[in-house]
């Protein structure tokens, strides 16, 4: 199982864009799951990632932030299989 974690916040248009890219790519990887967390609900995440949201983690490691490239994400998920 591959776990992706999208760290963002409500009202963030870049977070909405990132979610759309991730959901499109995840359609090709049924063994992967997406968790979403908000920096508004976690002070430690806010302190660490405030200036980088959205942040995408793959198996608890930072993959990318701000803009998510679908080809780069797809390649990484293939490596993780």
N, C-alpha and C. Protein backbone atom coordinates (compact mmCIF):
# COMPACT_ATOMS: atom_id res chain seq x y z
N UNK A 1 0.85 -1.19 0.00
CA UNK A 1 0.00 0.00 0.00
C UNK A 1 0.89 1.24 0.00
N UNK A 2 0.57 2.15 -0.88
CA UNK A 2 1.26 3.43 -0.95
C UNK A 2 0.33 4.47 -0.34
N UNK A 3 0.85 5.27 0.57
CA UNK A 3 0.05 6.31 1.21
C UNK A 3 0.56 7.68 0.78
N UNK A 4 -0.36 8.45 0.22
CA UNK A 4 -0.06 9.84 -0.12
C UNK A 4 -0.78 10.72 0.89
N UNK A 5 -0.11 11.73 1.36
CA UNK A 5 -0.69 12.68 2.28
C UNK A 5 -0.59 14.07 1.66
N UNK A 6 -1.75 14.69 1.48
CA UNK A 6 -1.80 16.04 0.94
C UNK A 6 -2.04 17.00 2.09
N UNK A 7 -1.07 17.85 2.34
CA UNK A 7 -1.15 18.82 3.42
C UNK A 7 -1.53 20.16 2.80
N UNK A 8 -2.61 20.72 3.29
CA UNK A 8 -3.08 21.99 2.75
C UNK A 8 -3.97 22.70 3.74
N UNK A 9 -4.94 23.45 3.21
CA UNK A 9 -5.91 24.14 4.05
C UNK A 9 -7.10 24.54 3.19
N UNK A 10 -8.22 24.79 3.85
CA UNK A 10 -9.41 25.23 3.14
C UNK A 10 -9.17 26.60 2.53
N UNK A 11 -9.74 26.81 1.35
CA UNK A 11 -9.63 28.11 0.70
C UNK A 11 -8.34 28.33 -0.06
N UNK A 12 -7.54 27.30 -0.18
CA UNK A 12 -6.24 27.40 -0.88
C UNK A 12 -6.43 26.89 -2.31
N UNK A 13 -6.35 27.79 -3.29
CA UNK A 13 -6.58 27.36 -4.68
C UNK A 13 -5.48 26.44 -5.18
N UNK A 14 -4.24 26.62 -4.72
CA UNK A 14 -3.18 25.69 -5.11
C UNK A 14 -3.44 24.30 -4.54
N UNK A 15 -4.03 24.24 -3.34
CA UNK A 15 -4.38 22.96 -2.74
C UNK A 15 -5.45 22.26 -3.56
N UNK A 16 -6.43 23.02 -4.04
CA UNK A 16 -7.48 22.46 -4.90
C UNK A 16 -6.87 21.93 -6.19
N UNK A 17 -5.96 22.67 -6.77
CA UNK A 17 -5.29 22.23 -8.00
C UNK A 17 -4.49 20.96 -7.75
N UNK A 18 -3.76 20.93 -6.65
CA UNK A 18 -2.95 19.75 -6.31
C UNK A 18 -3.83 18.53 -6.10
N UNK A 19 -4.95 18.70 -5.40
CA UNK A 19 -5.88 17.60 -5.16
C UNK A 19 -6.38 17.02 -6.48
N UNK A 20 -6.71 17.88 -7.42
CA UNK A 20 -7.21 17.42 -8.71
C UNK A 20 -6.16 16.60 -9.45
N UNK A 21 -4.91 17.05 -9.45
CA UNK A 21 -3.83 16.32 -10.10
C UNK A 21 -3.63 14.98 -9.42
N UNK A 22 -3.57 14.97 -8.11
CA UNK A 22 -3.34 13.74 -7.37
C UNK A 22 -4.47 12.74 -7.62
N UNK A 23 -5.70 13.19 -7.60
CA UNK A 23 -6.84 12.30 -7.82
C UNK A 23 -6.80 11.71 -9.23
N UNK A 24 -6.44 12.50 -10.22
CA UNK A 24 -6.33 11.99 -11.59
C UNK A 24 -5.27 10.90 -11.69
N UNK A 25 -4.10 11.14 -11.10
CA UNK A 25 -3.01 10.16 -11.15
C UNK A 25 -3.37 8.93 -10.34
N UNK A 26 -3.99 9.10 -9.19
CA UNK A 26 -4.31 7.95 -8.34
C UNK A 26 -5.31 7.00 -8.99
N UNK A 27 -6.06 7.46 -9.94
CA UNK A 27 -6.98 6.58 -10.66
C UNK A 27 -6.23 5.44 -11.34
N UNK A 28 -4.95 5.64 -11.61
CA UNK A 28 -4.10 4.62 -12.25
C UNK A 28 -3.43 3.71 -11.23
N UNK A 29 -3.55 4.01 -9.95
CA UNK A 29 -2.84 3.27 -8.90
C UNK A 29 -3.82 2.86 -7.80
N UNK A 30 -4.60 1.80 -8.03
CA UNK A 30 -5.61 1.41 -7.04
C UNK A 30 -5.02 0.97 -5.69
N UNK A 31 -3.75 0.64 -5.65
CA UNK A 31 -3.12 0.24 -4.40
C UNK A 31 -2.68 1.43 -3.55
N UNK A 32 -2.90 2.64 -4.05
CA UNK A 32 -2.51 3.84 -3.32
C UNK A 32 -3.73 4.47 -2.67
N UNK A 33 -3.50 5.11 -1.55
CA UNK A 33 -4.58 5.82 -0.86
C UNK A 33 -4.15 7.24 -0.56
N UNK A 34 -5.12 8.13 -0.53
CA UNK A 34 -4.86 9.54 -0.26
C UNK A 34 -5.47 9.94 1.07
N UNK A 35 -4.65 10.58 1.90
CA UNK A 35 -5.11 11.19 3.14
C UNK A 35 -4.91 12.69 2.98
N UNK A 36 -5.86 13.46 3.48
CA UNK A 36 -5.72 14.91 3.43
C UNK A 36 -5.72 15.45 4.85
N UNK A 37 -4.80 16.34 5.12
CA UNK A 37 -4.73 16.98 6.43
C UNK A 37 -4.58 18.48 6.24
N UNK A 38 -5.09 19.22 7.19
CA UNK A 38 -5.06 20.68 7.12
C UNK A 38 -4.06 21.23 8.13
N UNK A 39 -3.31 22.23 7.69
CA UNK A 39 -2.39 22.88 8.62
C UNK A 39 -3.18 23.67 9.68
N UNK A 40 -4.45 23.92 9.41
CA UNK A 40 -5.27 24.63 10.38
C UNK A 40 -5.63 23.76 11.58
N UNK A 41 -5.50 22.45 11.42
CA UNK A 41 -5.85 21.51 12.49
C UNK A 41 -4.64 20.97 13.24
N UNK A 42 -3.44 21.35 12.83
CA UNK A 42 -2.24 20.77 13.43
C UNK A 42 -1.15 21.85 13.49
N UNK A 43 -0.86 22.30 14.67
CA UNK A 43 0.12 23.39 14.86
C UNK A 43 1.52 22.99 14.38
N UNK A 44 1.91 21.74 14.56
CA UNK A 44 3.23 21.30 14.11
C UNK A 44 3.32 21.34 12.58
N UNK A 45 2.26 20.90 11.91
CA UNK A 45 2.25 20.97 10.44
C UNK A 45 2.26 22.42 9.97
N UNK A 46 1.52 23.27 10.66
CA UNK A 46 1.49 24.69 10.30
C UNK A 46 2.90 25.29 10.42
N UNK A 47 3.58 25.00 11.49
CA UNK A 47 4.92 25.55 11.69
C UNK A 47 5.90 25.05 10.63
N UNK A 48 5.76 23.79 10.25
CA UNK A 48 6.71 23.20 9.30
C UNK A 48 6.42 23.56 7.85
N UNK A 49 5.14 23.60 7.48
CA UNK A 49 4.79 23.70 6.07
C UNK A 49 4.04 24.96 5.66
N UNK A 50 3.85 25.92 6.54
CA UNK A 50 3.03 27.10 6.26
C UNK A 50 3.36 27.74 4.91
N UNK A 51 4.61 27.91 4.59
CA UNK A 51 5.00 28.62 3.37
C UNK A 51 5.10 27.71 2.16
N UNK A 52 4.79 26.42 2.30
CA UNK A 52 4.96 25.49 1.19
C UNK A 52 3.66 24.85 0.71
N UNK A 53 2.54 25.04 1.39
CA UNK A 53 1.34 24.31 1.01
C UNK A 53 0.90 24.65 -0.41
N UNK A 54 0.36 23.68 -1.09
CA UNK A 54 0.17 22.30 -0.67
C UNK A 54 1.48 21.51 -0.71
N UNK A 55 1.57 20.55 0.19
CA UNK A 55 2.72 19.65 0.27
C UNK A 55 2.19 18.24 0.08
N UNK A 56 2.86 17.48 -0.77
CA UNK A 56 2.47 16.09 -0.99
C UNK A 56 3.55 15.17 -0.45
N UNK A 57 3.16 14.31 0.47
CA UNK A 57 4.06 13.29 1.01
C UNK A 57 3.71 11.95 0.38
N UNK A 58 4.71 11.15 0.11
CA UNK A 58 4.50 9.77 -0.32
C UNK A 58 5.18 8.91 0.72
N UNK A 59 4.37 8.08 1.38
CA UNK A 59 4.87 7.24 2.47
C UNK A 59 5.68 8.06 3.48
N UNK A 60 5.10 9.18 3.86
CA UNK A 60 5.63 10.07 4.90
C UNK A 60 6.90 10.82 4.52
N UNK A 61 7.25 10.84 3.24
CA UNK A 61 8.40 11.62 2.76
C UNK A 61 7.90 12.68 1.78
N UNK A 62 8.43 13.87 1.88
CA UNK A 62 8.02 14.95 0.99
C UNK A 62 8.36 14.58 -0.45
N UNK A 63 7.35 14.65 -1.28
CA UNK A 63 7.53 14.41 -2.72
C UNK A 63 7.64 15.74 -3.46
N UNK A 64 6.72 16.67 -3.12
CA UNK A 64 6.69 17.93 -3.84
C UNK A 64 5.84 18.93 -3.05
N UNK A 65 5.94 20.20 -3.42
CA UNK A 65 5.09 21.21 -2.82
C UNK A 65 4.76 22.28 -3.86
N UNK A 66 3.78 23.12 -3.56
CA UNK A 66 3.20 24.16 -4.40
C UNK A 66 2.47 23.57 -5.61
N UNK A 67 3.18 23.19 -6.62
CA UNK A 67 2.56 22.63 -7.83
C UNK A 67 2.96 21.16 -7.97
N UNK A 68 1.99 20.31 -8.21
CA UNK A 68 2.25 18.88 -8.33
C UNK A 68 2.28 18.52 -9.82
N UNK A 69 3.41 18.00 -10.27
CA UNK A 69 3.56 17.60 -11.66
C UNK A 69 3.05 16.17 -11.82
N UNK A 70 2.04 15.95 -12.67
CA UNK A 70 1.46 14.62 -12.78
C UNK A 70 2.45 13.56 -13.29
N UNK A 71 3.32 13.92 -14.22
CA UNK A 71 4.28 12.95 -14.74
C UNK A 71 5.30 12.55 -13.69
N UNK A 72 5.76 13.51 -12.93
CA UNK A 72 6.72 13.22 -11.86
C UNK A 72 6.06 12.35 -10.78
N UNK A 73 4.83 12.65 -10.44
CA UNK A 73 4.10 11.86 -9.45
C UNK A 73 3.89 10.44 -9.95
N UNK A 74 3.47 10.30 -11.18
CA UNK A 74 3.25 8.98 -11.78
C UNK A 74 4.54 8.15 -11.74
N UNK A 75 5.66 8.76 -12.10
CA UNK A 75 6.95 8.05 -12.07
C UNK A 75 7.31 7.59 -10.67
N UNK A 76 7.10 8.46 -9.71
CA UNK A 76 7.43 8.11 -8.32
C UNK A 76 6.54 6.97 -7.82
N UNK A 77 5.27 7.00 -8.15
CA UNK A 77 4.38 5.94 -7.71
C UNK A 77 4.73 4.61 -8.34
N UNK A 78 5.20 4.64 -9.58
CA UNK A 78 5.67 3.39 -10.22
C UNK A 78 6.88 2.83 -9.49
N UNK A 79 7.77 3.70 -9.04
CA UNK A 79 8.94 3.26 -8.27
C UNK A 79 8.53 2.63 -6.94
N UNK A 80 7.49 3.16 -6.34
CA UNK A 80 7.06 2.71 -5.01
C UNK A 80 6.30 1.39 -5.04
N UNK A 81 5.85 0.97 -6.21
CA UNK A 81 5.07 -0.27 -6.31
C UNK A 81 5.88 -1.47 -5.94
